[in-house]
Amino acid sequence: MVLADGIIDSLELQTLYEIGVKDYGLTHEEILEAVNNSGTSFTIPESLEGKIRLLHDMAKIAWADGSIDDTELRLLKKYIVRAGFQSENADAISEYILESVHNGMSAEEITRQITQN
């Protein structure tokens, strides 16, 4: 997501570092290596909670610079579909995730809200 628009924005990178260190226990060096090797693949989580966390973190990084550009939105929708959600729902899911993150909801709150409905 940091590289979605071809520009590494300092606020997006800072958000990536915060998520990586706080939520995943990564070092700054490991995060920088991941950014440098951004073409590498990774496994989509199998659980709904894991999928929501991934999409939440992507949305959080996208919002870090204060706006969502078309490239970031397309990338988020791509990962929504890769996570196993129906492609016809990608627009609604991306809108919901981006709005929820913009309003300060955590991944856990989003998961709770989804599973209660």
PDB file of N, CA and C in Angstrom:
ATOM      1  N   MET A   1       0.829  -1.185   0.000  1.00  0.00           N
ATOM      2  CA  MET A   1       0.000   0.000   0.000  1.00  0.00           C
ATOM      3  C   MET A   1       0.877   1.253   0.000  1.00  0.00           C
ATOM      4  N   VAL A   2       1.995   1.184   0.707  1.00  0.00           N
ATOM      5  CA  VAL A   2       2.898   2.324   0.781  1.00  0.00           C
ATOM      6  C   VAL A   2       3.365   2.726  -0.618  1.00  0.00           C
ATOM      7  N   LEU A   3       3.543   1.752  -1.495  1.00  0.00           N
ATOM      8  CA  LEU A   3       4.047   2.020  -2.840  1.00  0.00           C
ATOM      9  C   LEU A   3       2.947   2.091  -3.894  1.00  0.00           C
ATOM     10  N   ALA A   4       1.688   2.045  -3.499  1.00  0.00           N
ATOM     11  CA  ALA A   4       0.584   1.966  -4.452  1.00  0.00           C
ATOM     12  C   ALA A   4       0.587   3.098  -5.466  1.00  0.00           C
ATOM     13  N   ASP A   5       0.877   4.311  -5.023  1.00  0.00           N
ATOM     14  CA  ASP A   5       0.852   5.453  -5.931  1.00  0.00           C
ATOM     15  C   ASP A   5       2.231   5.788  -6.492  1.00  0.00           C
ATOM     16  N   GLY A   6       3.217   4.916  -6.223  1.00  0.00           N
ATOM     17  CA  GLY A   6       4.560   5.124  -6.739  1.00  0.00           C
ATOM     18  C   GLY A   6       5.400   6.081  -5.917  1.00  0.00           C
ATOM     19  N   ILE A   7       4.843   6.592  -4.835  1.00  0.00           N
ATOM     20  CA  ILE A   7       5.537   7.546  -3.978  1.00  0.00           C
ATOM     21  C   ILE A   7       5.516   7.013  -2.554  1.00  0.00           C
ATOM     22  N   ILE A   8       6.670   6.980  -1.907  1.00  0.00           N
ATOM     23  CA  ILE A   8       6.709   6.572  -0.506  1.00  0.00           C
ATOM     24  C   ILE A   8       6.531   7.828   0.334  1.00  0.00           C
ATOM     25  N   ASP A   9       5.323   8.039   0.800  1.00  0.00           N
ATOM     26  CA  ASP A   9       4.996   9.192   1.628  1.00  0.00           C
ATOM     27  C   ASP A   9       5.491   8.935   3.046  1.00  0.00           C
ATOM     28  N   SER A  10       6.079   9.937   3.675  1.00  0.00           N
ATOM     29  CA  SER A  10       6.655   9.749   5.015  1.00  0.00           C
ATOM     30  C   SER A  10       5.590   9.377   6.039  1.00  0.00           C
ATOM     31  N   LEU A  11       4.384   9.934   5.925  1.00  0.00           N
ATOM     32  CA  LEU A  11       3.321   9.584   6.876  1.00  0.00           C
ATOM     33  C   LEU A  11       2.852   8.149   6.675  1.00  0.00           C
ATOM     34  N   GLU A  12       2.799   7.693   5.423  1.00  0.00           N
ATOM     35  CA  GLU A  12       2.427   6.307   5.160  1.00  0.00           C
ATOM     36  C   GLU A  12       3.491   5.363   5.705  1.00  0.00           C
ATOM     37  N   LEU A  13       4.746   5.708   5.497  1.00  0.00           N
ATOM     38  CA  LEU A  13       5.837   4.876   5.995  1.00  0.00           C
ATOM     39  C   LEU A  13       5.842   4.847   7.522  1.00  0.00           C
ATOM     40  N   GLN A  14       5.584   5.977   8.154  1.00  0.00           N
ATOM     41  CA  GLN A  14       5.506   6.030   9.610  1.00  0.00           C
ATOM     42  C   GLN A  14       4.378   5.130  10.117  1.00  0.00           C
ATOM     43  N   THR A  15       3.236   5.169   9.451  1.00  0.00           N
ATOM     44  CA  THR A  15       2.111   4.311   9.838  1.00  0.00           C
ATOM     45  C   THR A  15       2.468   2.848   9.651  1.00  0.00           C
ATOM     46  N   LEU A  16       3.158   2.528   8.560  1.00  0.00           N
ATOM     47  CA  LEU A  16       3.603   1.155   8.327  1.00  0.00           C
ATOM     48  C   LEU A  16       4.523   0.700   9.454  1.00  0.00           C
ATOM     49  N   TYR A  17       5.464   1.543   9.849  1.00  0.00           N
ATOM     50  CA  TYR A  17       6.362   1.207  10.967  1.00  0.00           C
ATOM     51  C   TYR A  17       5.568   0.986  12.258  1.00  0.00           C
ATOM     52  N   GLU A  18       4.613   1.862  12.550  1.00  0.00           N
ATOM     53  CA  GLU A  18       3.814   1.715  13.773  1.00  0.00           C
ATOM     54  C   GLU A  18       3.060   0.398  13.787  1.00  0.00           C
ATOM     55  N   ILE A  19       2.429   0.060  12.665  1.00  0.00           N
ATOM     56  CA  ILE A  19       1.678  -1.196  12.578  1.00  0.00           C
ATOM     57  C   ILE A  19       2.630  -2.383  12.697  1.00  0.00           C
ATOM     58  N   GLY A  20       3.730  -2.342  11.953  1.00  0.00           N
ATOM     59  CA  GLY A  20       4.675  -3.458  11.957  1.00  0.00           C
ATOM     60  C   GLY A  20       5.276  -3.726  13.316  1.00  0.00           C
ATOM     61  N   VAL A  21       5.692  -2.669  13.998  1.00  0.00           N
ATOM     62  CA  VAL A  21       6.327  -2.822  15.315  1.00  0.00           C
ATOM     63  C   VAL A  21       5.299  -3.193  16.371  1.00  0.00           C
ATOM     64  N   LYS A  22       4.207  -2.438  16.449  1.00  0.00           N
ATOM     65  CA  LYS A  22       3.223  -2.627  17.510  1.00  0.00           C
ATOM     66  C   LYS A  22       2.420  -3.916  17.352  1.00  0.00           C
ATOM     67  N   ASP A  23       1.911  -4.158  16.144  1.00  0.00           N
ATOM     68  CA  ASP A  23       0.981  -5.276  15.956  1.00  0.00           C
ATOM     69  C   ASP A  23       1.657  -6.584  15.554  1.00  0.00           C
ATOM     70  N   TYR A  24       2.858  -6.496  14.949  1.00  0.00           N
ATOM     71  CA  TYR A  24       3.474  -7.703  14.429  1.00  0.00           C
ATOM     72  C   TYR A  24       4.862  -7.979  14.997  1.00  0.00           C
ATOM     73  N   GLY A  25       5.374  -7.094  15.847  1.00  0.00           N
ATOM     74  CA  GLY A  25       6.664  -7.309  16.484  1.00  0.00           C
ATOM     75  C   GLY A  25       7.851  -7.264  15.537  1.00  0.00           C
ATOM     76  N   LEU A  26       7.715  -6.562  14.425  1.00  0.00           N
ATOM     77  CA  LEU A  26       8.800  -6.454  13.456  1.00  0.00           C
ATOM     78  C   LEU A  26       9.751  -5.333  13.841  1.00  0.00           C
ATOM     79  N   THR A  27      10.980  -5.444  13.374  1.00  0.00           N
ATOM     80  CA  THR A  27      11.943  -4.364  13.573  1.00  0.00           C
ATOM     81  C   THR A  27      11.824  -3.393  12.402  1.00  0.00           C
ATOM     82  N   HIS A  28      12.396  -2.198  12.575  1.00  0.00           N
ATOM     83  CA  HIS A  28      12.401  -1.222  11.491  1.00  0.00           C
ATOM     84  C   HIS A  28      13.142  -1.784  10.279  1.00  0.00           C
ATOM     85  N   GLU A  29      14.209  -2.538  10.533  1.00  0.00           N
ATOM     86  CA  GLU A  29      14.990  -3.125   9.452  1.00  0.00           C
ATOM     87  C   GLU A  29      14.166  -4.149   8.670  1.00  0.00           C
ATOM     88  N   GLU A  30      13.386  -4.968   9.372  1.00  0.00           N
ATOM     89  CA  GLU A  30      12.545  -5.961   8.698  1.00  0.00           C
ATOM     90  C   GLU A  30      11.483  -5.277   7.847  1.00  0.00           C
ATOM     91  N   ILE A  31      10.935  -4.195   8.348  1.00  0.00           N
ATOM     92  CA  ILE A  31       9.920  -3.457   7.593  1.00  0.00           C
ATOM     93  C   ILE A  31      10.536  -2.822   6.357  1.00  0.00           C
ATOM     94  N   LEU A  32      11.687  -2.208   6.523  1.00  0.00           N
ATOM     95  CA  LEU A  32      12.368  -1.596   5.385  1.00  0.00           C
ATOM     96  C   LEU A  32      12.715  -2.640   4.334  1.00  0.00           C
ATOM     97  N   GLU A  33      13.145  -3.805   4.767  1.00  0.00           N
ATOM     98  CA  GLU A  33      13.447  -4.886   3.824  1.00  0.00           C
ATOM     99  C   GLU A  33      12.189  -5.306   3.071  1.00  0.00           C
ATOM    100  N   ALA A  34      11.062  -5.380   3.767  1.00  0.00           N
ATOM    101  CA  ALA A  34       9.797  -5.747   3.119  1.00  0.00           C
ATOM    102  C   ALA A  34       9.397  -4.709   2.082  1.00  0.00           C
ATOM    103  N   VAL A  35       9.586  -3.434   2.392  1.00  0.00           N
ATOM    104  CA  VAL A  35       9.268  -2.370   1.428  1.00  0.00           C
ATOM    105  C   VAL A  35      10.190  -2.480   0.222  1.00  0.00           C
ATOM    106  N   ASN A  36      11.471  -2.715   0.472  1.00  0.00           N
ATOM    107  CA  ASN A  36      12.432  -2.838  -0.626  1.00  0.00           C
ATOM    108  C   ASN A  36      12.147  -4.047  -1.506  1.00  0.00           C
ATOM    109  N   ASN A  37      11.573  -5.090  -0.926  1.00  0.00           N
ATOM    110  CA  ASN A  37      11.234  -6.309  -1.673  1.00  0.00           C
ATOM    111  C   ASN A  37       9.731  -6.397  -1.902  1.00  0.00           C
ATOM    112  N   SER A  38       9.114  -5.274  -2.190  1.00  0.00           N
ATOM    113  CA  SER A  38       7.650  -5.194  -2.237  1.00  0.00           C
ATOM    114  C   SER A  38       7.010  -6.068  -3.299  1.00  0.00           C
ATOM    115  N   GLY A  39       7.769  -6.566  -4.231  1.00  0.00           N
ATOM    116  CA  GLY A  39       7.198  -7.432  -5.254  1.00  0.00           C
ATOM    117  C   GLY A  39       6.975  -8.848  -4.777  1.00  0.00           C
ATOM    118  N   THR A  40       7.441  -9.173  -3.577  1.00  0.00           N
ATOM    119  CA  THR A  40       7.299 -10.537  -3.087  1.00  0.00           C
ATOM    120  C   THR A  40       5.862 -10.815  -2.682  1.00  0.00           C
ATOM    121  N   SER A  41       5.485 -12.072  -2.725  1.00  0.00           N
ATOM    122  CA  SER A  41       4.119 -12.450  -2.382  1.00  0.00           C
ATOM    123  C   SER A  41       4.021 -12.787  -0.901  1.00  0.00           C
ATOM    124  N   PHE A  42       2.804 -12.841  -0.424  1.00  0.00           N
ATOM    125  CA  PHE A  42       2.573 -13.261   0.946  1.00  0.00           C
ATOM    126  C   PHE A  42       1.247 -13.991   1.001  1.00  0.00           C
ATOM    127  N   THR A  43       1.008 -14.666   2.096  1.00  0.00           N
ATOM    128  CA  THR A  43      -0.190 -15.473   2.259  1.00  0.00           C
ATOM    129  C   THR A  43      -1.310 -14.640   2.850  1.00  0.00           C
ATOM    130  N   ILE A  44      -2.486 -14.744   2.248  1.00  0.00           N
ATOM    131  CA  ILE A  44      -3.678 -14.082   2.777  1.00  0.00           C
ATOM    132  C   ILE A  44      -4.134 -14.879   3.993  1.00  0.00           C
ATOM    133  N   PRO A  45      -4.447 -14.210   5.093  1.00  0.00           N
ATOM    134  CA  PRO A  45      -4.943 -14.931   6.271  1.00  0.00           C
ATOM    135  C   PRO A  45      -6.202 -15.730   5.946  1.00  0.00           C
ATOM    136  N   GLU A  46      -6.388 -16.829   6.637  1.00  0.00           N
ATOM    137  CA  GLU A  46      -7.556 -17.674   6.402  1.00  0.00           C
ATOM    138  C   GLU A  46      -8.759 -17.246   7.223  1.00  0.00           C
ATOM    139  N   SER A  47      -8.530 -16.729   8.430  1.00  0.00           N
ATOM    140  CA  SER A  47      -9.655 -16.366   9.296  1.00  0.00           C
ATOM    141  C   SER A  47     -10.237 -15.018   8.891  1.00  0.00           C
ATOM    142  N   LEU A  48     -11.513 -14.835   9.192  1.00  0.00           N
ATOM    143  CA  LEU A  48     -12.155 -13.545   8.924  1.00  0.00           C
ATOM    144  C   LEU A  48     -11.443 -12.435   9.687  1.00  0.00           C
ATOM    145  N   GLU A  49     -11.070 -12.711  10.937  1.00  0.00           N
ATOM    146  CA  GLU A  49     -10.373 -11.714  11.745  1.00  0.00           C
ATOM    147  C   GLU A  49      -9.055 -11.300  11.101  1.00  0.00           C
ATOM    148  N   GLY A  50      -8.324 -12.274  10.583  1.00  0.00           N
ATOM    149  CA  GLY A  50      -7.052 -11.990   9.928  1.00  0.00           C
ATOM    150  C   GLY A  50      -7.235 -11.184   8.652  1.00  0.00           C
ATOM    151  N   LYS A  51      -8.258 -11.516   7.886  1.00  0.00           N
ATOM    152  CA  LYS A  51      -8.548 -10.780   6.655  1.00  0.00           C
ATOM    153  C   LYS A  51      -8.928  -9.335   6.967  1.00  0.00           C
ATOM    154  N   ILE A  52      -9.759  -9.148   7.980  1.00  0.00           N
ATOM    155  CA  ILE A  52     -10.177  -7.794   8.373  1.00  0.00           C
ATOM    156  C   ILE A  52      -8.956  -7.009   8.847  1.00  0.00           C
ATOM    157  N   ARG A  53      -8.081  -7.625   9.616  1.00  0.00           N
ATOM    158  CA  ARG A  53      -6.869  -6.933  10.101  1.00  0.00           C
ATOM    159  C   ARG A  53      -6.003  -6.488   8.928  1.00  0.00           C
ATOM    160  N   LEU A  54      -5.804  -7.373   7.939  1.00  0.00           N
ATOM    161  CA  LEU A  54      -5.019  -7.026   6.764  1.00  0.00           C
ATOM    162  C   LEU A  54      -5.624  -5.821   6.051  1.00  0.00           C
ATOM    163  N   LEU A  55      -6.919  -5.874   5.781  1.00  0.00           N
ATOM    164  CA  LEU A  55      -7.583  -4.778   5.070  1.00  0.00           C
ATOM    165  C   LEU A  55      -7.583  -3.504   5.901  1.00  0.00           C
ATOM    166  N   HIS A  56      -7.765  -3.648   7.213  1.00  0.00           N
ATOM    167  CA  HIS A  56      -7.719  -2.503   8.128  1.00  0.00           C
ATOM    168  C   HIS A  56      -6.351  -1.832   8.058  1.00  0.00           C
ATOM    169  N   ASP A  57      -5.298  -2.633   8.138  1.00  0.00           N
ATOM    170  CA  ASP A  57      -3.946  -2.082   8.110  1.00  0.00           C
ATOM    171  C   ASP A  57      -3.650  -1.412   6.775  1.00  0.00           C
ATOM    172  N   MET A  58      -4.110  -2.010   5.698  1.00  0.00           N
ATOM    173  CA  MET A  58      -3.923  -1.390   4.386  1.00  0.00           C
ATOM    174  C   MET A  58      -4.635  -0.040   4.321  1.00  0.00           C
ATOM    175  N   ALA A  59      -5.870   0.003   4.834  1.00  0.00           N
ATOM    176  CA  ALA A  59      -6.631   1.254   4.827  1.00  0.00           C
ATOM    177  C   ALA A  59      -5.978   2.303   5.720  1.00  0.00           C
ATOM    178  N   LYS A  60      -5.450   1.869   6.838  1.00  0.00           N
ATOM    179  CA  LYS A  60      -4.776   2.793   7.753  1.00  0.00           C
ATOM    180  C   LYS A  60      -3.561   3.434   7.085  1.00  0.00           C
ATOM    181  N   ILE A  61      -2.801   2.629   6.370  1.00  0.00           N
ATOM    182  CA  ILE A  61      -1.640   3.158   5.648  1.00  0.00           C
ATOM    183  C   ILE A  61      -2.100   4.099   4.534  1.00  0.00           C
ATOM    184  N   ALA A  62      -3.148   3.713   3.827  1.00  0.00           N
ATOM    185  CA  ALA A  62      -3.649   4.556   2.742  1.00  0.00           C
ATOM    186  C   ALA A  62      -4.096   5.922   3.260  1.00  0.00           C
ATOM    187  N   TRP A  63      -4.716   5.956   4.428  1.00  0.00           N
ATOM    188  CA  TRP A  63      -5.207   7.214   5.009  1.00  0.00           C
ATOM    189  C   TRP A  63      -4.096   8.053   5.640  1.00  0.00           C
ATOM    190  N   ALA A  64      -2.907   7.485   5.824  1.00  0.00           N
ATOM    191  CA  ALA A  64      -1.847   8.166   6.567  1.00  0.00           C
ATOM    192  C   ALA A  64      -1.517   9.547   6.024  1.00  0.00           C
ATOM    193  N   ASP A  65      -1.614   9.719   4.709  1.00  0.00           N
ATOM    194  CA  ASP A  65      -1.295  11.028   4.124  1.00  0.00           C
ATOM    195  C   ASP A  65      -2.525  11.922   4.005  1.00  0.00           C
ATOM    196  N   GLY A  66      -3.653  11.470   4.546  1.00  0.00           N
ATOM    197  CA  GLY A  66      -4.850  12.293   4.588  1.00  0.00           C
ATOM    198  C   GLY A  66      -5.784  12.155   3.408  1.00  0.00           C
ATOM    199  N   SER A  67      -5.418  11.338   2.429  1.00  0.00           N
ATOM    200  CA  SER A  67      -6.305  11.155   1.279  1.00  0.00           C
ATOM    201  C   SER A  67      -6.101   9.771   0.683  1.00  0.00           C
ATOM    202  N   ILE A  68      -7.107   9.326  -0.046  1.00  0.00           N
ATOM    203  CA  ILE A  68      -7.057   8.034  -0.727  1.00  0.00           C
ATOM    204  C   ILE A  68      -7.024   8.318  -2.223  1.00  0.00           C
ATOM    205  N   ASP A  69      -5.964   7.863  -2.883  1.00  0.00           N
ATOM    206  CA  ASP A  69      -5.945   8.073  -4.333  1.00  0.00           C
ATOM    207  C   ASP A  69      -6.462   6.822  -5.044  1.00  0.00           C
ATOM    208  N   ASP A  70      -6.691   6.930  -6.344  1.00  0.00           N
ATOM    209  CA  ASP A  70      -7.270   5.835  -7.118  1.00  0.00           C
ATOM    210  C   ASP A  70      -6.425   4.569  -7.081  1.00  0.00           C
ATOM    211  N   THR A  71      -5.114   4.718  -7.069  1.00  0.00           N
ATOM    212  CA  THR A  71      -4.232   3.552  -7.050  1.00  0.00           C
ATOM    213  C   THR A  71      -4.372   2.798  -5.734  1.00  0.00           C
ATOM    214  N   GLU A  72      -4.438   3.518  -4.633  1.00  0.00           N
ATOM    215  CA  GLU A  72      -4.614   2.880  -3.322  1.00  0.00           C
ATOM    216  C   GLU A  72      -5.966   2.179  -3.248  1.00  0.00           C
ATOM    217  N   LEU A  73      -7.002   2.818  -3.781  1.00  0.00           N
ATOM    218  CA  LEU A  73      -8.335   2.218  -3.771  1.00  0.00           C
ATOM    219  C   LEU A  73      -8.360   0.941  -4.610  1.00  0.00           C
ATOM    220  N   ARG A  74      -7.754   0.984  -5.785  1.00  0.00           N
ATOM    221  CA  ARG A  74      -7.701  -0.224  -6.632  1.00  0.00           C
ATOM    222  C   ARG A  74      -6.941  -1.348  -5.940  1.00  0.00           C
ATOM    223  N   LEU A  75      -5.832  -1.010  -5.274  1.00  0.00           N
ATOM    224  CA  LEU A  75      -5.056  -2.032  -4.576  1.00  0.00           C
ATOM    225  C   LEU A  75      -5.859  -2.640  -3.430  1.00  0.00           C
ATOM    226  N   LEU A  76      -6.564  -1.818  -2.680  1.00  0.00           N
ATOM    227  CA  LEU A  76      -7.396  -2.330  -1.588  1.00  0.00           C
ATOM    228  C   LEU A  76      -8.467  -3.273  -2.134  1.00  0.00           C
ATOM    229  N   LYS A  77      -9.129  -2.887  -3.203  1.00  0.00           N
ATOM    230  CA  LYS A  77     -10.161  -3.739  -3.804  1.00  0.00           C
ATOM    231  C   LYS A  77      -9.566  -5.058  -4.304  1.00  0.00           C
ATOM    232  N   LYS A  78      -8.362  -4.989  -4.865  1.00  0.00           N
ATOM    233  CA  LYS A  78      -7.688  -6.197  -5.332  1.00  0.00           C
ATOM    234  C   LYS A  78      -7.488  -7.169  -4.173  1.00  0.00           C
ATOM    235  N   TYR A  79      -7.046  -6.650  -3.031  1.00  0.00           N
ATOM    236  CA  TYR A  79      -6.811  -7.524  -1.883  1.00  0.00           C
ATOM    237  C   TYR A  79      -8.098  -7.977  -1.218  1.00  0.00           C
ATOM    238  N   ILE A  80      -9.145  -7.225  -1.360  1.00  0.00           N
ATOM    239  CA  ILE A  80     -10.459  -7.677  -0.872  1.00  0.00           C
ATOM    240  C   ILE A  80     -10.856  -8.944  -1.628  1.00  0.00           C
ATOM    241  N   VAL A  81     -10.703  -8.915  -2.937  1.00  0.00           N
ATOM    242  CA  VAL A  81     -11.033 -10.084  -3.749  1.00  0.00           C
ATOM    243  C   VAL A  81     -10.057 -11.223  -3.471  1.00  0.00           C
ATOM    244  N   ARG A  82      -8.755 -10.918  -3.354  1.00  0.00           N
ATOM    245  CA  ARG A  82      -7.764 -11.953  -3.050  1.00  0.00           C
ATOM    246  C   ARG A  82      -8.018 -12.594  -1.689  1.00  0.00           C
ATOM    247  N   ALA A  83      -8.657 -11.848  -0.780  1.00  0.00           N
ATOM    248  CA  ALA A  83      -8.973 -12.382   0.548  1.00  0.00           C
ATOM    249  C   ALA A  83     -10.181 -13.311   0.509  1.00  0.00           C
ATOM    250  N   GLY A  84     -10.822 -13.421  -0.656  1.00  0.00           N
ATOM    251  CA  GLY A  84     -11.923 -14.362  -0.787  1.00  0.00           C
ATOM    252  C   GLY A  84     -13.304 -13.742  -0.783  1.00  0.00           C
ATOM    253  N   PHE A  85     -13.387 -12.438  -0.729  1.00  0.00           N
ATOM    254  CA  PHE A  85     -14.682 -11.779  -0.790  1.00  0.00           C
ATOM    255  C   PHE A  85     -15.126 -11.682  -2.244  1.00  0.00           C
ATOM    256  N   GLN A  86     -16.426 -11.668  -2.477  1.00  0.00           N
ATOM    257  CA  GLN A  86     -16.969 -11.597  -3.828  1.00  0.00           C
ATOM    258  C   GLN A  86     -16.581 -10.280  -4.497  1.00  0.00           C
ATOM    259  N   SER A  87     -16.171 -10.358  -5.756  1.00  0.00           N
ATOM    260  CA  SER A  87     -15.726  -9.155  -6.466  1.00  0.00           C
ATOM    261  C   SER A  87     -16.840  -8.117  -6.579  1.00  0.00           C
ATOM    262  N   GLU A  88     -18.071  -8.570  -6.679  1.00  0.00           N
ATOM    263  CA  GLU A  88     -19.187  -7.610  -6.776  1.00  0.00           C
ATOM    264  C   GLU A  88     -19.401  -6.841  -5.462  1.00  0.00           C
ATOM    265  N   ASN A  89     -18.798  -7.317  -4.379  1.00  0.00           N
ATOM    266  CA  ASN A  89     -18.908  -6.623  -3.093  1.00  0.00           C
ATOM    267  C   ASN A  89     -17.687  -5.763  -2.770  1.00  0.00           C
ATOM    268  N   ALA A  90     -16.675  -5.779  -3.637  1.00  0.00           N
ATOM    269  CA  ALA A  90     -15.412  -5.087  -3.355  1.00  0.00           C
ATOM    270  C   ALA A  90     -15.603  -3.585  -3.166  1.00  0.00           C
ATOM    271  N   ASP A  91     -16.475  -2.967  -3.956  1.00  0.00           N
ATOM    272  CA  ASP A  91     -16.703  -1.523  -3.801  1.00  0.00           C
ATOM    273  C   ASP A  91     -17.277  -1.204  -2.420  1.00  0.00           C
ATOM    274  N   ALA A  92     -18.308  -1.946  -2.031  1.00  0.00           N
ATOM    275  CA  ALA A  92     -18.961  -1.695  -0.740  1.00  0.00           C
ATOM    276  C   ALA A  92     -18.024  -2.008   0.423  1.00  0.00           C
ATOM    277  N   ILE A  93     -17.264  -3.099   0.316  1.00  0.00           N
ATOM    278  CA  ILE A  93     -16.349  -3.472   1.392  1.00  0.00           C
ATOM    279  C   ILE A  93     -15.242  -2.431   1.525  1.00  0.00           C
ATOM    280  N   SER A  94     -14.673  -1.999   0.405  1.00  0.00           N
ATOM    281  CA  SER A  94     -13.606  -0.995   0.475  1.00  0.00           C
ATOM    282  C   SER A  94     -14.129   0.312   1.065  1.00  0.00           C
ATOM    283  N   GLU A  95     -15.317   0.708   0.671  1.00  0.00           N
ATOM    284  CA  GLU A  95     -15.907   1.932   1.217  1.00  0.00           C
ATOM    285  C   GLU A  95     -16.108   1.804   2.724  1.00  0.00           C
ATOM    286  N   TYR A  96     -16.621   0.653   3.151  1.00  0.00           N
ATOM    287  CA  TYR A  96     -16.864   0.422   4.575  1.00  0.00           C
ATOM    288  C   TYR A  96     -15.554   0.418   5.373  1.00  0.00           C
ATOM    289  N   ILE A  97     -14.554  -0.308   4.875  1.00  0.00           N
ATOM    290  CA  ILE A  97     -13.269  -0.389   5.581  1.00  0.00           C
ATOM    291  C   ILE A  97     -12.615   0.988   5.658  1.00  0.00           C
ATOM    292  N   LEU A  98     -12.571   1.699   4.547  1.00  0.00           N
ATOM    293  CA  LEU A  98     -11.935   3.024   4.536  1.00  0.00           C
ATOM    294  C   LEU A  98     -12.659   4.006   5.457  1.00  0.00           C
ATOM    295  N   GLU A  99     -13.987   3.993   5.430  1.00  0.00           N
ATOM    296  CA  GLU A  99     -14.755   4.884   6.304  1.00  0.00           C
ATOM    297  C   GLU A  99     -14.553   4.519   7.772  1.00  0.00           C
ATOM    298  N   SER A 100     -14.561   3.226   8.067  1.00  0.00           N
ATOM    299  CA  SER A 100     -14.386   2.776   9.450  1.00  0.00           C
ATOM    300  C   SER A 100     -13.016   3.171   9.988  1.00  0.00           C
ATOM    301  N   VAL A 101     -11.976   2.968   9.186  1.00  0.00           N
ATOM    302  CA  VAL A 101     -10.625   3.338   9.607  1.00  0.00           C
ATOM    303  C   VAL A 101     -10.521   4.853   9.764  1.00  0.00           C
ATOM    304  N   HIS A 102     -11.106   5.581   8.832  1.00  0.00           N
ATOM    305  CA  HIS A 102     -11.080   7.051   8.901  1.00  0.00           C
ATOM    306  C   HIS A 102     -11.764   7.545  10.183  1.00  0.00           C
ATOM    307  N   ASN A 103     -12.767   6.804  10.640  1.00  0.00           N
ATOM    308  CA  ASN A 103     -13.491   7.156  11.866  1.00  0.00           C
ATOM    309  C   ASN A 103     -12.837   6.581  13.122  1.00  0.00           C
ATOM    310  N   GLY A 104     -11.651   5.961  12.963  1.00  0.00           N
ATOM    311  CA  GLY A 104     -10.886   5.503  14.116  1.00  0.00           C
ATOM    312  C   GLY A 104     -11.231   4.129  14.652  1.00  0.00           C
ATOM    313  N   MET A 105     -11.994   3.340  13.907  1.00  0.00           N
ATOM    314  CA  MET A 105     -12.341   2.002  14.384  1.00  0.00           C
ATOM    315  C   MET A 105     -11.145   1.065  14.277  1.00  0.00           C
ATOM    316  N   SER A 106     -11.000   0.197  15.256  1.00  0.00           N
ATOM    317  CA  SER A 106      -9.949  -0.822  15.225  1.00  0.00           C
ATOM    318  C   SER A 106     -10.415  -2.003  14.380  1.00  0.00           C
ATOM    319  N   ALA A 107      -9.479  -2.865  14.028  1.00  0.00           N
ATOM    320  CA  ALA A 107      -9.820  -4.073  13.280  1.00  0.00           C
ATOM    321  C   ALA A 107     -10.769  -4.950  14.098  1.00  0.00           C
ATOM    322  N   GLU A 108     -10.556  -4.991  15.401  1.00  0.00           N
ATOM    323  CA  GLU A 108     -11.425  -5.797  16.270  1.00  0.00           C
ATOM    324  C   GLU A 108     -12.850  -5.246  16.278  1.00  0.00           C
ATOM    325  N   GLU A 109     -12.991  -3.920  16.321  1.00  0.00           N
ATOM    326  CA  GLU A 109     -14.330  -3.315  16.299  1.00  0.00           C
ATOM    327  C   GLU A 109     -15.038  -3.593  14.974  1.00  0.00           C
ATOM    328  N   ILE A 110     -14.296  -3.514  13.891  1.00  0.00           N
ATOM    329  CA  ILE A 110     -14.884  -3.798  12.581  1.00  0.00           C
ATOM    330  C   ILE A 110     -15.332  -5.254  12.515  1.00  0.00           C
ATOM    331  N   THR A 111     -14.490  -6.170  12.990  1.00  0.00           N
ATOM    332  CA  THR A 111     -14.844  -7.591  12.983  1.00  0.00           C
ATOM    333  C   THR A 111     -16.088  -7.835  13.821  1.00  0.00           C
ATOM    334  N   ARG A 112     -16.137  -7.235  15.014  1.00  0.00           N
ATOM    335  CA  ARG A 112     -17.318  -7.385  15.871  1.00  0.00           C
ATOM    336  C   ARG A 112     -18.572  -6.878  15.174  1.00  0.00           C
ATOM    337  N   GLN A 113     -18.466  -5.720  14.554  1.00  0.00           N
ATOM    338  CA  GLN A 113     -19.626  -5.133  13.887  1.00  0.00           C
ATOM    339  C   GLN A 113     -20.103  -6.018  12.737  1.00  0.00           C
ATOM    340  N   ILE A 114     -19.169  -6.586  11.984  1.00  0.00           N
ATOM    341  CA  ILE A 114     -19.524  -7.438  10.858  1.00  0.00           C
ATOM    342  C   ILE A 114     -20.178  -8.730  11.335  1.00  0.00           C
ATOM    343  N   THR A 115     -19.623  -9.342  12.376  1.00  0.00           N
ATOM    344  CA  THR A 115     -20.144 -10.636  12.830  1.00  0.00           C
ATOM    345  C   THR A 115     -21.446 -10.506  13.597  1.00  0.00           C
ATOM    346  N   GLN A 116     -21.782  -9.310  14.069  1.00  0.00           N
ATOM    347  CA  GLN A 116     -23.041  -9.106  14.777  1.00  0.00           C
ATOM    348  C   GLN A 116     -24.205  -8.897  13.811  1.00  0.00           C
ATOM    349  N   ASN A 117     -23.907  -8.561  12.570  1.00  0.00           N
ATOM    350  CA  ASN A 117     -24.977  -8.311  11.595  1.00  0.00           C
ATOM    351  C   ASN A 117     -25.307  -9.548  10.809  1.00  0.00           C
TER     352      ASN A 117
END
